[in-house]
PDB file of N, CA and C in Angstrom:
ATOM      1  N   MET A   1      55.832-116.214  59.070  1.00  0.00           N
ATOM      2  CA  MET A   1      55.730-114.741  57.522  1.00  0.00           C
ATOM      3  C   MET A   1      57.494-114.196  58.117  1.00  0.00           C
ATOM      4  N   ARG A   2      58.378-114.622  57.000  1.00  0.00           N
ATOM      5  CA  ARG A   2      59.505-113.508  57.208  1.00  0.00           C
ATOM      6  C   ARG A   2      59.131-112.035  56.463  1.00  0.00           C
ATOM      7  N   ILE A   3      60.707-111.432  57.715  1.00  0.00           N
ATOM      8  CA  ILE A   3      59.795-110.676  56.562  1.00  0.00           C
ATOM      9  C   ILE A   3      60.026-110.011  55.022  1.00  0.00           C
ATOM     10  N   ASP A   4      60.620-110.809  54.118  1.00  0.00           N
ATOM     11  CA  ASP A   4      60.687-111.026  53.046  1.00  0.00           C
ATOM     12  C   ASP A   4      58.863-110.904  51.874  1.00  0.00           C
ATOM     13  N   GLY A   5      58.186-112.046  53.160  1.00  0.00           N
ATOM     14  CA  GLY A   5      56.932-112.538  52.675  1.00  0.00           C
ATOM     15  C   GLY A   5      56.488-114.361  52.472  1.00  0.00           C
ATOM     16  N   SER A   6      58.460-114.437  52.738  1.00  0.00           N
ATOM     17  CA  SER A   6      58.412-115.791  52.486  1.00  0.00           C
ATOM     18  C   SER A   6      58.074-116.440  53.760  1.00  0.00           C
ATOM     19  N   LEU A   7      57.707-117.488  53.777  1.00  0.00           N
ATOM     20  CA  LEU A   7      57.277-118.950  54.835  1.00  0.00           C
ATOM     21  C   LEU A   7      57.646-119.761  55.348  1.00  0.00           C
ATOM     22  N   LYS A   8      57.253-119.975  57.353  1.00  0.00           N
ATOM     23  CA  LYS A   8      58.326-119.653  57.886  1.00  0.00           C
ATOM     24  C   LYS A   8      58.261-121.144  58.583  1.00  0.00           C
ATOM     25  N   ASN A   9      57.069-121.456  58.440  1.00  0.00           N
ATOM     26  CA  ASN A   9      56.148-122.597  58.247  1.00  0.00           C
ATOM     27  C   ASN A   9      54.924-123.027  58.369  1.00  0.00           C
ATOM     28  N   VAL A  10      54.163-124.161  57.058  1.00  0.00           N
ATOM     29  CA  VAL A  10      53.257-124.129  57.109  1.00  0.00           C
ATOM     30  C   VAL A  10      52.271-124.809  58.368  1.00  0.00           C
ATOM     31  N   GLN A  11      50.839-124.526  57.912  1.00  0.00           N
ATOM     32  CA  GLN A  11      50.539-125.744  59.522  1.00  0.00           C
ATOM     33  C   GLN A  11      50.138-127.165  57.745  1.00  0.00           C
ATOM     34  N   ASP A  12      50.259-127.925  59.064  1.00  0.00           N
ATOM     35  CA  ASP A  12      49.707-129.673  58.501  1.00  0.00           C
ATOM     36  C   ASP A  12      50.944-129.659  57.408  1.00  0.00           C
ATOM     37  N   PRO A  13      52.144-129.304  57.569  1.00  0.00           N
ATOM     38  CA  PRO A  13      52.759-129.381  56.304  1.00  0.00           C
ATOM     39  C   PRO A  13      52.744-130.032  54.530  1.00  0.00           C
ATOM     40  N   GLU A  14      52.398-131.927  55.990  1.00  0.00           N
ATOM     41  CA  GLU A  14      52.324-133.381  54.911  1.00  0.00           C
ATOM     42  C   GLU A  14      50.987-132.971  53.805  1.00  0.00           C
ATOM     43  N   ASP A  15      50.082-131.782  53.956  1.00  0.00           N
ATOM     44  CA  ASP A  15      49.045-131.353  52.878  1.00  0.00           C
ATOM     45  C   ASP A  15      49.894-131.347  51.965  1.00  0.00           C
ATOM     46  N   LEU A  16      50.918-130.339  52.186  1.00  0.00           N
ATOM     47  CA  LEU A  16      51.793-129.513  50.633  1.00  0.00           C
ATOM     48  C   LEU A  16      53.059-130.164  49.930  1.00  0.00           C
ATOM     49  N   PRO A  17      52.951-130.305  48.690  1.00  0.00           N
ATOM     50  CA  PRO A  17      53.854-131.227  47.966  1.00  0.00           C
ATOM     51  C   PRO A  17      55.566-130.967  48.459  1.00  0.00           C
ATOM     52  N   GLU A  18      56.128-131.463  48.937  1.00  0.00           N
ATOM     53  CA  GLU A  18      57.645-131.306  49.509  1.00  0.00           C
ATOM     54  C   GLU A  18      57.612-129.817  50.260  1.00  0.00           C
ATOM     55  N   THR A  19      58.101-129.006  50.179  1.00  0.00           N
ATOM     56  CA  THR A  19      58.409-128.138  51.672  1.00  0.00           C
ATOM     57  C   THR A  19      58.338-127.200  50.732  1.00  0.00           C
ATOM     58  N   ALA A  20      57.101-126.791  51.546  1.00  0.00           N
ATOM     59  CA  ALA A  20      56.658-124.432  50.716  1.00  0.00           C
ATOM     60  C   ALA A  20      57.680-123.756  52.165  1.00  0.00           C
ATOM     61  N   CYS A  21      57.837-123.784  52.913  1.00  0.00           N
ATOM     62  CA  CYS A  21      58.548-122.626  53.690  1.00  0.00           C
ATOM     63  C   CYS A  21      59.888-122.441  52.838  1.00  0.00           C
ATOM     64  N   GLY A  22      59.197-121.825  52.409  1.00  0.00           N
ATOM     65  CA  GLY A  22      61.214-120.164  51.407  1.00  0.00           C
ATOM     66  C   GLY A  22      60.261-120.463  50.025  1.00  0.00           C
ATOM     67  N   LYS A  23      59.664-121.161  50.013  1.00  0.00           N
ATOM     68  CA  LYS A  23      59.052-121.580  48.193  1.00  0.00           C
ATOM     69  C   LYS A  23      58.441-120.679  47.631  1.00  0.00           C
ATOM     70  N   LEU A  24      57.294-120.448  48.889  1.00  0.00           N
ATOM     71  CA  LEU A  24      56.311-118.995  48.541  1.00  0.00           C
ATOM     72  C   LEU A  24      55.799-117.954  49.505  1.00  0.00           C
ATOM     73  N   LYS A  25      55.216-117.349  48.690  1.00  0.00           N
ATOM     74  CA  LYS A  25      55.641-115.850  49.260  1.00  0.00           C
ATOM     75  C   LYS A  25      54.658-114.895  48.948  1.00  0.00           C
ATOM     76  N   LEU A  26      54.209-113.951  50.361  1.00  0.00           N
ATOM     77  CA  LEU A  26      52.861-113.155  50.432  1.00  0.00           C
ATOM     78  C   LEU A  26      53.033-112.229  48.695  1.00  0.00           C
ATOM     79  N   VAL A  27      51.929-111.361  48.311  1.00  0.00           N
ATOM     80  CA  VAL A  27      51.984-111.428  46.741  1.00  0.00           C
ATOM     81  C   VAL A  27      52.400-109.741  47.398  1.00  0.00           C
ATOM     82  N   GLN A  28      53.125-108.936  46.972  1.00  0.00           N
ATOM     83  CA  GLN A  28      53.610-107.507  46.674  1.00  0.00           C
ATOM     84  C   GLN A  28      52.742-107.466  46.273  1.00  0.00           C
ATOM     85  N   LEU A  29      52.161-105.699  47.332  1.00  0.00           N
ATOM     86  CA  LEU A  29      50.710-105.034  46.945  1.00  0.00           C
ATOM     87  C   LEU A  29      51.696-103.822  46.401  1.00  0.00           C
ATOM     88  N   ARG A  30      50.914-102.586  45.620  1.00  0.00           N
ATOM     89  CA  ARG A  30      50.664-100.885  45.838  1.00  0.00           C
ATOM     90  C   ARG A  30      50.123-100.651  46.617  1.00  0.00           C
ATOM     91  N   CYS A  31      50.820 -99.550  47.966  1.00  0.00           N
ATOM     92  CA  CYS A  31      50.475 -99.334  48.542  1.00  0.00           C
ATOM     93  C   CYS A  31      50.715 -97.701  48.242  1.00  0.00           C
ATOM     94  N   GLU A  32      50.533 -96.732  47.945  1.00  0.00           N
ATOM     95  CA  GLU A  32      49.895 -95.907  48.602  1.00  0.00           C
ATOM     96  C   GLU A  32      49.047 -94.407  50.049  1.00  0.00           C
ATOM     97  N   THR A  33      49.121 -93.519  50.136  1.00  0.00           N
ATOM     98  CA  THR A  33      48.736 -92.915  51.164  1.00  0.00           C
ATOM     99  C   THR A  33      47.735 -91.988  50.778  1.00  0.00           C
ATOM    100  N   TRP A  34      46.780 -91.508  51.343  1.00  0.00           N
ATOM    101  CA  TRP A  34      45.717 -90.546  50.789  1.00  0.00           C
ATOM    102  C   TRP A  34      45.344 -89.811  52.637  1.00  0.00           C
ATOM    103  N   GLY A  35      44.955 -88.202  52.627  1.00  0.00           N
ATOM    104  CA  GLY A  35      44.627 -87.933  53.969  1.00  0.00           C
ATOM    105  C   GLY A  35      44.008 -89.192  54.558  1.00  0.00           C
ATOM    106  N   GLY A  36      44.569 -89.474  55.041  1.00  0.00           N
ATOM    107  CA  GLY A  36      45.665 -90.442  56.390  1.00  0.00           C
ATOM    108  C   GLY A  36      45.546 -91.436  56.434  1.00  0.00           C
ATOM    109  N   PHE A  37      45.223 -92.682  54.948  1.00  0.00           N
ATOM    110  CA  PHE A  37      44.208 -93.457  54.213  1.00  0.00           C
ATOM    111  C   PHE A  37      45.340 -94.086  53.724  1.00  0.00           C
ATOM    112  N   VAL A  38      45.620 -95.229  54.022  1.00  0.00           N
ATOM    113  CA  VAL A  38      46.148 -96.215  53.357  1.00  0.00           C
ATOM    114  C   VAL A  38      45.506 -96.718  51.375  1.00  0.00           C
ATOM    115  N   TRP A  39      45.873 -96.840  50.864  1.00  0.00           N
ATOM    116  CA  TRP A  39      44.907 -97.461  49.603  1.00  0.00           C
ATOM    117  C   TRP A  39      46.287 -98.191  49.251  1.00  0.00           C
ATOM    118  N   CYS A  40      45.762 -99.696  49.111  1.00  0.00           N
ATOM    119  CA  CYS A  40      46.053-101.068  48.240  1.00  0.00           C
ATOM    120  C   CYS A  40      45.788-101.313  47.354  1.00  0.00           C
ATOM    121  N   THR A  41      46.645-101.845  46.235  1.00  0.00           N
ATOM    122  CA  THR A  41      46.129-102.670  44.946  1.00  0.00           C
ATOM    123  C   THR A  41      46.481-103.342  44.441  1.00  0.00           C
ATOM    124  N   MET A  42      45.884-104.202  44.144  1.00  0.00           N
ATOM    125  CA  MET A  42      46.600-106.373  43.749  1.00  0.00           C
ATOM    126  C   MET A  42      47.209-105.670  42.127  1.00  0.00           C
ATOM    127  N   GLU A  43      46.469-105.113  41.438  1.00  0.00           N
ATOM    128  CA  GLU A  43      46.877-104.377  40.003  1.00  0.00           C
ATOM    129  C   GLU A  43      47.879-103.702  40.341  1.00  0.00           C
ATOM    130  N   ALA A  44      49.102-103.696  38.715  1.00  0.00           N
ATOM    131  CA  ALA A  44      50.307-103.779  38.974  1.00  0.00           C
ATOM    132  C   ALA A  44      49.427-102.652  37.580  1.00  0.00           C
ATOM    133  N   ASP A  45      48.919-102.613  36.941  1.00  0.00           N
ATOM    134  CA  ASP A  45      48.633-101.355  35.973  1.00  0.00           C
ATOM    135  C   ASP A  45      47.542-100.372  36.398  1.00  0.00           C
ATOM    136  N   ALA A  46      47.464-100.482  37.629  1.00  0.00           N
ATOM    137  CA  ALA A  46      46.557 -99.219  38.031  1.00  0.00           C
ATOM    138  C   ALA A  46      47.093 -98.336  37.173  1.00  0.00           C
ATOM    139  N   PRO A  47      45.603 -97.236  37.929  1.00  0.00           N
ATOM    140  CA  PRO A  47      46.306 -95.692  37.461  1.00  0.00           C
ATOM    141  C   PRO A  47      46.524 -95.153  39.337  1.00  0.00           C
ATOM    142  N   ASP A  48      47.220 -94.163  38.903  1.00  0.00           N
ATOM    143  CA  ASP A  48      47.994 -94.222  40.279  1.00  0.00           C
ATOM    144  C   ASP A  48      47.074 -93.328  41.168  1.00  0.00           C
ATOM    145  N   LEU A  49      46.981 -93.546  42.394  1.00  0.00           N
ATOM    146  CA  LEU A  49      46.086 -92.920  43.241  1.00  0.00           C
ATOM    147  C   LEU A  49      45.396 -91.193  43.270  1.00  0.00           C
ATOM    148  N   LEU A  50      45.885 -90.294  42.856  1.00  0.00           N
ATOM    149  CA  LEU A  50      45.449 -89.573  42.457  1.00  0.00           C
ATOM    150  C   LEU A  50      44.624 -89.183  40.799  1.00  0.00           C
ATOM    151  N   GLY A  51      45.140 -90.307  40.308  1.00  0.00           N
ATOM    152  CA  GLY A  51      44.483 -89.390  39.083  1.00  0.00           C
ATOM    153  C   GLY A  51      43.063 -90.423  39.482  1.00  0.00           C
ATOM    154  N   TYR A  52      42.917 -92.028  40.151  1.00  0.00           N
ATOM    155  CA  TYR A  52      42.813 -92.387  40.563  1.00  0.00           C
ATOM    156  C   TYR A  52      41.270 -91.801  41.412  1.00  0.00           C
ATOM    157  N   LEU A  53      41.511 -91.334  42.386  1.00  0.00           N
ATOM    158  CA  LEU A  53      40.777 -90.163  43.575  1.00  0.00           C
ATOM    159  C   LEU A  53      40.416 -88.633  42.711  1.00  0.00           C
ATOM    160  N   SER A  54      40.656 -88.563  41.279  1.00  0.00           N
ATOM    161  CA  SER A  54      41.075 -87.328  40.869  1.00  0.00           C
ATOM    162  C   SER A  54      39.076 -86.788  41.139  1.00  0.00           C
ATOM    163  N   PRO A  55      37.995 -87.483  40.401  1.00  0.00           N
ATOM    164  CA  PRO A  55      36.693 -87.053  41.028  1.00  0.00           C
ATOM    165  C   PRO A  55      36.042 -86.793  41.898  1.00  0.00           C
ATOM    166  N   ILE A  56      37.260 -86.929  42.997  1.00  0.00           N
ATOM    167  CA  ILE A  56      37.057 -86.067  44.822  1.00  0.00           C
ATOM    168  C   ILE A  56      37.940 -85.201  45.334  1.00  0.00           C
ATOM    169  N   LEU A  57      39.474 -85.008  44.904  1.00  0.00           N
ATOM    170  CA  LEU A  57      40.261 -84.807  45.130  1.00  0.00           C
ATOM    171  C   LEU A  57      39.932 -82.862  45.420  1.00  0.00           C
ATOM    172  N   GLU A  58      38.374 -82.833  44.325  1.00  0.00           N
ATOM    173  CA  GLU A  58      37.987 -81.096  44.056  1.00  0.00           C
ATOM    174  C   GLU A  58      37.252 -81.185  45.950  1.00  0.00           C
ATOM    175  N   LEU A  59      36.232 -82.051  45.637  1.00  0.00           N
ATOM    176  CA  LEU A  59      35.483 -81.974  47.139  1.00  0.00           C
ATOM    177  C   LEU A  59      35.668 -82.120  48.630  1.00  0.00           C
ATOM    178  N   TYR A  60      37.000 -82.631  48.651  1.00  0.00           N
ATOM    179  CA  TYR A  60      37.560 -82.884  49.757  1.00  0.00           C
ATOM    180  C   TYR A  60      38.573 -82.232  50.405  1.00  0.00           C
ATOM    181  N   LYS A  61      38.943 -81.256  48.844  1.00  0.00           N
ATOM    182  CA  LYS A  61      40.052 -80.409  49.033  1.00  0.00           C
ATOM    183  C   LYS A  61      40.108 -79.538  50.911  1.00  0.00           C
ATOM    184  N   ASN A  62      39.272 -78.920  51.268  1.00  0.00           N
ATOM    185  CA  ASN A  62      38.719 -78.098  53.001  1.00  0.00           C
ATOM    186  C   ASN A  62      38.702 -78.975  53.775  1.00  0.00           C
ATOM    187  N   TYR A  63      38.338 -80.825  53.768  1.00  0.00           N
ATOM    188  CA  TYR A  63      38.753 -81.240  54.733  1.00  0.00           C
ATOM    189  C   TYR A  63      39.616 -82.022  54.967  1.00  0.00           C
ATOM    190  N   PRO A  64      40.490 -81.605  56.203  1.00  0.00           N
ATOM    191  CA  PRO A  64      41.838 -82.168  56.798  1.00  0.00           C
ATOM    192  C   PRO A  64      41.331 -83.469  57.145  1.00  0.00           C
ATOM    193  N   LEU A  65      41.147 -84.562  55.858  1.00  0.00           N
ATOM    194  CA  LEU A  65      41.110 -85.459  56.481  1.00  0.00           C
ATOM    195  C   LEU A  65      42.011 -86.737  56.943  1.00  0.00           C
ATOM    196  N   GLU A  66      44.162 -86.405  57.460  1.00  0.00           N
ATOM    197  CA  GLU A  66      44.721 -87.103  57.610  1.00  0.00           C
ATOM    198  C   GLU A  66      44.798 -86.018  59.410  1.00  0.00           C
ATOM    199  N   ARG A  67      44.513 -84.759  59.386  1.00  0.00           N
ATOM    200  CA  ARG A  67      44.447 -84.621  60.865  1.00  0.00           C
ATOM    201  C   ARG A  67      42.962 -84.180  61.458  1.00  0.00           C
ATOM    202  N   LEU A  68      42.327 -86.143  61.107  1.00  0.00           N
ATOM    203  CA  LEU A  68      41.368 -86.182  61.364  1.00  0.00           C
ATOM    204  C   LEU A  68      41.485 -87.210  63.031  1.00  0.00           C
ATOM    205  N   VAL A  69      40.476 -87.232  63.949  1.00  0.00           N
ATOM    206  CA  VAL A  69      40.597 -87.634  64.641  1.00  0.00           C
ATOM    207  C   VAL A  69      38.973 -89.045  64.900  1.00  0.00           C
ATOM    208  N   ARG A  70      39.403 -89.613  65.584  1.00  0.00           N
ATOM    209  CA  ARG A  70      37.881 -90.292  66.308  1.00  0.00           C
ATOM    210  C   ARG A  70      37.135 -90.031  67.528  1.00  0.00           C
ATOM    211  N   VAL A  71      36.635 -88.972  67.841  1.00  0.00           N
ATOM    212  CA  VAL A  71      35.967 -88.933  68.328  1.00  0.00           C
ATOM    213  C   VAL A  71      34.659 -89.438  69.099  1.00  0.00           C
ATOM    214  N   PHE A  72      33.729 -90.159  68.467  1.00  0.00           N
ATOM    215  CA  PHE A  72      33.063 -91.689  69.095  1.00  0.00           C
ATOM    216  C   PHE A  72      33.036 -92.830  68.610  1.00  0.00           C
ATOM    217  N   TRP A  73      33.073 -93.731  69.302  1.00  0.00           N
ATOM    218  CA  TRP A  73      32.640 -95.346  69.320  1.00  0.00           C
ATOM    219  C   TRP A  73      32.103 -95.522  70.467  1.00  0.00           C
ATOM    220  N   MET A  74      30.899 -96.668  69.538  1.00  0.00           N
ATOM    221  CA  MET A  74      30.049 -97.386  70.191  1.00  0.00           C
ATOM    222  C   MET A  74      30.652 -98.986  69.740  1.00  0.00           C
ATOM    223  N   ARG A  75      29.774 -99.840  70.924  1.00  0.00           N
ATOM    224  CA  ARG A  75      29.839-101.884  69.650  1.00  0.00           C
ATOM    225  C   ARG A  75      28.024-101.837  70.111  1.00  0.00           C
ATOM    226  N   ILE A  76      28.149-102.283  68.877  1.00  0.00           N
ATOM    227  CA  ILE A  76      26.366-102.909  69.449  1.00  0.00           C
ATOM    228  C   ILE A  76      26.778-104.118  68.641  1.00  0.00           C
ATOM    229  N   ASP A  77      26.625-105.401  69.063  1.00  0.00           N
ATOM    230  CA  ASP A  77      26.380-106.648  69.350  1.00  0.00           C
ATOM    231  C   ASP A  77      24.639-106.510  68.227  1.00  0.00           C
ATOM    232  N   LEU A  78      24.597-107.671  67.681  1.00  0.00           N
ATOM    233  CA  LEU A  78      23.193-107.432  66.572  1.00  0.00           C
ATOM    234  C   LEU A  78      23.274-109.220  65.882  1.00  0.00           C
ATOM    235  N   PRO A  79      22.093-109.294  65.642  1.00  0.00           N
ATOM    236  CA  PRO A  79      21.617-110.651  65.609  1.00  0.00           C
ATOM    237  C   PRO A  79      21.201-111.279  64.089  1.00  0.00           C
ATOM    238  N   THR A  80      21.651-110.429  64.039  1.00  0.00           N
ATOM    239  CA  THR A  80      21.949-109.942  62.175  1.00  0.00           C
ATOM    240  C   THR A  80      22.478-109.890  61.038  1.00  0.00           C
ATOM    241  N   ASN A  81      23.086-110.647  60.462  1.00  0.00           N
ATOM    242  CA  ASN A  81      24.195-110.053  59.012  1.00  0.00           C
ATOM    243  C   ASN A  81      24.609-108.621  59.519  1.00  0.00           C
ATOM    244  N   TRP A  82      25.965-108.257  59.164  1.00  0.00           N
ATOM    245  CA  TRP A  82      26.096-107.370  59.227  1.00  0.00           C
ATOM    246  C   TRP A  82      25.596-106.192  57.950  1.00  0.00           C
ATOM    247  N   LYS A  83      25.844-106.793  56.821  1.00  0.00           N
ATOM    248  CA  LYS A  83      25.363-105.768  55.975  1.00  0.00           C
ATOM    249  C   LYS A  83      24.073-105.758  55.898  1.00  0.00           C
ATOM    250  N   PHE A  84      22.962-106.250  56.228  1.00  0.00           N
ATOM    251  CA  PHE A  84      21.855-105.935  56.664  1.00  0.00           C
ATOM    252  C   PHE A  84      21.570-104.569  58.310  1.00  0.00           C
ATOM    253  N   ALA A  85      22.509-104.409  58.384  1.00  0.00           N
ATOM    254  CA  ALA A  85      22.543-103.197  60.160  1.00  0.00           C
ATOM    255  C   ALA A  85      23.300-102.527  58.923  1.00  0.00           C
ATOM    256  N   ILE A  86      24.624-102.180  58.677  1.00  0.00           N
ATOM    257  CA  ILE A  86      25.086-100.830  57.683  1.00  0.00           C
ATOM    258  C   ILE A  86      24.630 -99.700  57.277  1.00  0.00           C
ATOM    259  N   ASP A  87      23.833-101.065  56.026  1.00  0.00           N
ATOM    260  CA  ASP A  87      22.942-100.720  55.270  1.00  0.00           C
ATOM    261  C   ASP A  87      21.571 -99.579  55.626  1.00  0.00           C
ATOM    262  N   ASN A  88      21.195-100.465  56.124  1.00  0.00           N
ATOM    263  CA  ASN A  88      19.900 -98.454  57.032  1.00  0.00           C
ATOM    264  C   ASN A  88      20.691 -97.610  57.516  1.00  0.00           C
ATOM    265  N   PHE A  89      22.020 -98.014  57.736  1.00  0.00           N
ATOM    266  CA  PHE A  89      22.645 -95.948  58.549  1.00  0.00           C
ATOM    267  C   PHE A  89      23.190 -95.259  57.237  1.00  0.00           C
ATOM    268  N   ASP A  90      23.500 -95.963  55.833  1.00  0.00           N
ATOM    269  CA  ASP A  90      25.101 -95.176  54.809  1.00  0.00           C
ATOM    270  C   ASP A  90      24.391 -95.127  54.176  1.00  0.00           C
ATOM    271  N   GLU A  91      22.989 -94.200  53.896  1.00  0.00           N
ATOM    272  CA  GLU A  91      22.280 -93.850  52.558  1.00  0.00           C
ATOM    273  C   GLU A  91      21.084 -93.231  53.583  1.00  0.00           C
ATOM    274  N   SER A  92      20.977 -92.469  52.356  1.00  0.00           N
ATOM    275  CA  SER A  92      19.493 -91.323  52.871  1.00  0.00           C
ATOM    276  C   SER A  92      18.513 -91.193  51.182  1.00  0.00           C
ATOM    277  N   TYR A  93      19.138 -92.918  50.324  1.00  0.00           N
ATOM    278  CA  TYR A  93      18.654 -91.841  49.006  1.00  0.00           C
ATOM    279  C   TYR A  93      17.158 -92.491  49.189  1.00  0.00           C
ATOM    280  N   HIS A  94      16.830 -92.676  50.088  1.00  0.00           N
ATOM    281  CA  HIS A  94      14.762 -93.295  50.049  1.00  0.00           C
ATOM    282  C   HIS A  94      13.942 -91.900  51.089  1.00  0.00           C
ATOM    283  N   THR A  95      14.476 -90.848  51.638  1.00  0.00           N
ATOM    284  CA  THR A  95      14.249 -90.741  52.105  1.00  0.00           C
ATOM    285  C   THR A  95      12.954 -89.808  51.533  1.00  0.00           C
ATOM    286  N   ARG A  96      13.186 -89.267  50.563  1.00  0.00           N
ATOM    287  CA  ARG A  96      12.450 -88.688  49.482  1.00  0.00           C
ATOM    288  C   ARG A  96      11.164 -89.331  49.699  1.00  0.00           C
ATOM    289  N   THR A  97      11.403 -90.621  49.739  1.00  0.00           N
ATOM    290  CA  THR A  97      10.092 -91.795  49.561  1.00  0.00           C
ATOM    291  C   THR A  97       9.168 -91.818  50.712  1.00  0.00           C
ATOM    292  N   ALA A  98      10.273 -92.244  51.820  1.00  0.00           N
ATOM    293  CA  ALA A  98      10.017 -93.299  52.742  1.00  0.00           C
ATOM    294  C   ALA A  98       9.703 -92.352  53.618  1.00  0.00           C
ATOM    295  N   HIS A  99      10.398 -91.008  53.879  1.00  0.00           N
ATOM    296  CA  HIS A  99       9.320 -90.136  54.606  1.00  0.00           C
ATOM    297  C   HIS A  99       9.667 -88.783  54.593  1.00  0.00           C
ATOM    298  N   PRO A 100       8.241 -87.991  53.295  1.00  0.00           N
ATOM    299  CA  PRO A 100       8.003 -87.410  52.744  1.00  0.00           C
ATOM    300  C   PRO A 100       7.923 -85.928  53.723  1.00  0.00           C
ATOM    301  N   ARG A 101       7.965 -85.858  54.843  1.00  0.00           N
ATOM    302  CA  ARG A 101       8.245 -84.634  55.675  1.00  0.00           C
ATOM    303  C   ARG A 101       9.206 -84.124  56.190  1.00  0.00           C
ATOM    304  N   VAL A 102      10.255 -85.500  55.673  1.00  0.00           N
ATOM    305  CA  VAL A 102      11.327 -84.638  56.366  1.00  0.00           C
ATOM    306  C   VAL A 102      12.958 -83.935  55.235  1.00  0.00           C
ATOM    307  N   PRO A 103      12.501 -84.353  53.787  1.00  0.00           N
ATOM    308  CA  PRO A 103      13.119 -83.386  53.160  1.00  0.00           C
ATOM    309  C   PRO A 103      13.924 -82.004  52.691  1.00  0.00           C
ATOM    310  N   PRO A 104      12.445 -81.122  53.415  1.00  0.00           N
ATOM    311  CA  PRO A 104      12.712 -80.291  53.743  1.00  0.00           C
ATOM    312  C   PRO A 104      13.710 -79.652  54.370  1.00  0.00           C
ATOM    313  N   CYS A 105      13.971 -80.164  55.628  1.00  0.00           N
ATOM    314  CA  CYS A 105      15.200 -80.114  55.829  1.00  0.00           C
ATOM    315  C   CYS A 105      16.215 -80.414  55.682  1.00  0.00           C
ATOM    316  N   ILE A 106      16.565 -81.708  54.732  1.00  0.00           N
ATOM    317  CA  ILE A 106      17.559 -82.019  54.533  1.00  0.00           C
ATOM    318  C   ILE A 106      18.692 -80.967  53.577  1.00  0.00           C
ATOM    319  N   ASP A 107      19.520 -80.765  53.233  1.00  0.00           N
ATOM    320  CA  ASP A 107      20.077 -80.399  52.141  1.00  0.00           C
ATOM    321  C   ASP A 107      20.198 -81.584  51.160  1.00  0.00           C
ATOM    322  N   GLU A 108      19.652 -81.196  50.225  1.00  0.00           N
ATOM    323  CA  GLU A 108      19.423 -82.428  48.870  1.00  0.00           C
ATOM    324  C   GLU A 108      20.622 -82.108  48.056  1.00  0.00           C
ATOM    325  N   ASP A 109      21.793 -81.409  47.944  1.00  0.00           N
ATOM    326  CA  ASP A 109      22.446 -81.489  47.674  1.00  0.00           C
ATOM    327  C   ASP A 109      23.925 -82.083  48.000  1.00  0.00           C
ATOM    328  N   TYR A 110      24.102 -83.485  47.685  1.00  0.00           N
ATOM    329  CA  TYR A 110      25.154 -83.767  48.619  1.00  0.00           C
ATOM    330  C   TYR A 110      26.181 -84.100  48.617  1.00  0.00           C
ATOM    331  N   TRP A 111      26.768 -83.632  47.158  1.00  0.00           N
ATOM    332  CA  TRP A 111      28.544 -82.919  47.995  1.00  0.00           C
ATOM    333  C   TRP A 111      28.356 -81.058  48.602  1.00  0.00           C
ATOM    334  N   THR A 112      27.127 -81.008  49.116  1.00  0.00           N
ATOM    335  CA  THR A 112      26.984 -79.650  50.191  1.00  0.00           C
ATOM    336  C   THR A 112      26.463 -79.559  51.293  1.00  0.00           C
ATOM    337  N   SER A 113      25.966 -81.994  51.233  1.00  0.00           N
ATOM    338  CA  SER A 113      26.627 -82.456  52.279  1.00  0.00           C
ATOM    339  C   SER A 113      27.202 -82.172  53.427  1.00  0.00           C
ATOM    340  N   ARG A 114      26.717 -82.028  55.110  1.00  0.00           N
ATOM    341  CA  ARG A 114      27.413 -81.934  55.889  1.00  0.00           C
ATOM    342  C   ARG A 114      26.503 -83.216  56.619  1.00  0.00           C
ATOM    343  N   LEU A 115      28.125 -83.935  57.184  1.00  0.00           N
ATOM    344  CA  LEU A 115      27.748 -85.206  58.048  1.00  0.00           C
ATOM    345  C   LEU A 115      27.983 -84.719  59.770  1.00  0.00           C
ATOM    346  N   GLU A 116      27.675 -85.192  60.258  1.00  0.00           N
ATOM    347  CA  GLU A 116      27.859 -84.799  61.944  1.00  0.00           C
ATOM    348  C   GLU A 116      26.896 -86.246  62.229  1.00  0.00           C
ATOM    349  N   ILE A 117      27.212 -86.900  63.678  1.00  0.00           N
ATOM    350  CA  ILE A 117      26.829 -87.792  64.268  1.00  0.00           C
ATOM    351  C   ILE A 117      25.722 -87.156  65.663  1.00  0.00           C
ATOM    352  N   TRP A 118      24.499 -86.902  65.463  1.00  0.00           N
ATOM    353  CA  TRP A 118      23.688 -86.305  66.627  1.00  0.00           C
ATOM    354  C   TRP A 118      23.162 -87.165  67.794  1.00  0.00           C
ATOM    355  N   SER A 119      23.343 -87.986  67.481  1.00  0.00           N
ATOM    356  CA  SER A 119      23.035 -89.064  68.655  1.00  0.00           C
ATOM    357  C   SER A 119      23.590 -89.615  70.233  1.00  0.00           C
TER     358      SER A 119
END
């Protein structure tokens, strides 16, 4: 791949009509940054990033996201589907039903909840 996105070479060129080198290019993405993250879209007519994020800008205004650093990292190899493993740690909507004694200890307003690593 060249800096302009064009192909420098291709695998199995005999499988492509004539030569694809120099003719095929990567699609250019629109990218913007916010909160220390890079946001990309393939839709040319998508709204600008701040317009898209407007519902959460007020929610995160007091968090210096661009200054956050990772303070803990752990790898665990599980013989399971990645989504199954992640879904068990990404939500708490089931708490009131599955763990009825826990909710009094939890801030039920997710807009003001604070997430921490306690393990």
